[in-house]
C-alpha atoms as a PDB file:
ATOM      1  CA  UNK A   1      -8.863  -5.442  -5.614  1.00  0.00           C
ATOM      2  CA  UNK A   2      -8.804  -6.819  -2.011  1.00  0.00           C
ATOM      3  CA  UNK A   3      -5.350  -7.263  -0.700  1.00  0.00           C
ATOM      4  CA  UNK A   4      -4.162  -9.455   2.217  1.00  0.00           C
ATOM      5  CA  UNK A   5      -1.228  -8.550   4.385  1.00  0.00           C
ATOM      6  CA  UNK A   6       0.535 -11.444   2.851  1.00  0.00           C
ATOM      7  CA  UNK A   7       0.228  -9.803  -0.610  1.00  0.00           C
ATOM      8  CA  UNK A   8       1.975  -6.504   0.644  1.00  0.00           C
ATOM      9  CA  UNK A   9       5.590  -5.903   0.299  1.00  0.00           C
ATOM     10  CA  UNK A  10       5.964  -4.768   3.877  1.00  0.00           C
ATOM     11  CA  UNK A  11       7.666  -5.965   7.004  1.00  0.00           C
ATOM     12  CA  UNK A  12       5.995  -8.751   8.782  1.00  0.00           C
ATOM     13  CA  UNK A  13       4.257  -7.898  12.084  1.00  0.00           C
ATOM     14  CA  UNK A  14       5.555  -9.576  15.282  1.00  0.00           C
ATOM     15  CA  UNK A  15       3.819 -12.920  16.062  1.00  0.00           C
ATOM     16  CA  UNK A  16       2.190 -11.516  19.208  1.00  0.00           C
ATOM     17  CA  UNK A  17       0.440  -8.727  17.091  1.00  0.00           C
ATOM     18  CA  UNK A  18      -0.685 -11.152  14.505  1.00  0.00           C
ATOM     19  CA  UNK A  19      -2.248 -13.414  17.197  1.00  0.00           C
ATOM     20  CA  UNK A  20      -4.029 -10.419  18.641  1.00  0.00           C
ATOM     21  CA  UNK A  21      -5.437  -9.336  15.342  1.00  0.00           C
ATOM     22  CA  UNK A  22      -6.682 -12.916  14.675  1.00  0.00           C
ATOM     23  CA  UNK A  23      -8.398 -13.004  18.077  1.00  0.00           C
ATOM     24  CA  UNK A  24     -10.030  -9.619  17.191  1.00  0.00           C
ATOM     25  CA  UNK A  25     -11.184 -10.722  13.854  1.00  0.00           C
ATOM     26  CA  UNK A  26     -12.676 -13.998  15.356  1.00  0.00           C
ATOM     27  CA  UNK A  27     -14.520 -11.789  18.057  1.00  0.00           C
ATOM     28  CA  UNK A  28     -15.942  -9.448  15.565  1.00  0.00           C
ATOM     29  CA  UNK A  29     -17.013 -12.314  13.332  1.00  0.00           C
ATOM     30  CA  UNK A  30     -19.010 -13.747  16.358  1.00  0.00           C
ATOM     31  CA  UNK A  31     -20.625 -10.484  16.963  1.00  0.00           C
ATOM     32  CA  UNK A  32     -21.641 -10.118  13.367  1.00  0.00           C
ATOM     33  CA  UNK A  33     -22.817 -13.723  13.311  1.00  0.00           C
ATOM     34  CA  UNK A  34     -25.128 -13.224  16.291  1.00  0.00           C
ATOM     35  CA  UNK A  35     -26.535  -9.981  14.866  1.00  0.00           C
ATOM     36  CA  UNK A  36     -25.186  -7.923  17.814  1.00  0.00           C
ATOM     37  CA  UNK A  37     -22.996  -5.987  15.593  1.00  0.00           C
ATOM     38  CA  UNK A  38     -23.172  -5.375  11.824  1.00  0.00           C
ATOM     39  CA  UNK A  39     -20.130  -5.277   9.386  1.00  0.00           C
ATOM     40  CA  UNK A  40     -20.249  -1.369   9.272  1.00  0.00           C
ATOM     41  CA  UNK A  41     -20.163  -1.126  13.027  1.00  0.00           C
ATOM     42  CA  UNK A  42     -17.394  -3.707  13.256  1.00  0.00           C
ATOM     43  CA  UNK A  43     -15.282  -1.877  10.699  1.00  0.00           C
ATOM     44  CA  UNK A  44     -15.846   1.407  12.429  1.00  0.00           C
ATOM     45  CA  UNK A  45     -14.705  -0.057  15.747  1.00  0.00           C
ATOM     46  CA  UNK A  46     -11.652  -1.574  14.309  1.00  0.00           C
ATOM     47  CA  UNK A  47     -10.703   1.592  12.348  1.00  0.00           C
ATOM     48  CA  UNK A  48     -10.281   3.664  15.374  1.00  0.00           C
ATOM     49  CA  UNK A  49      -7.550   1.311  16.537  1.00  0.00           C
ATOM     50  CA  UNK A  50      -5.535   1.106  13.407  1.00  0.00           C
ATOM     51  CA  UNK A  51      -5.905   4.818  12.115  1.00  0.00           C
ATOM     52  CA  UNK A  52      -2.886   6.849  12.485  1.00  0.00           C
END
């Protein structure tokens, strides 16, 4: 099952963080859409920023 942040019972992120993540998602969608980066590479790049 795929969950969205809205589905989780957690505190909301500050608006500035949500905006930043939205911009990052848009950028990586663009890269995947042009073929410059595939989904696996995109996930690996984002994972290094969100892993603890």
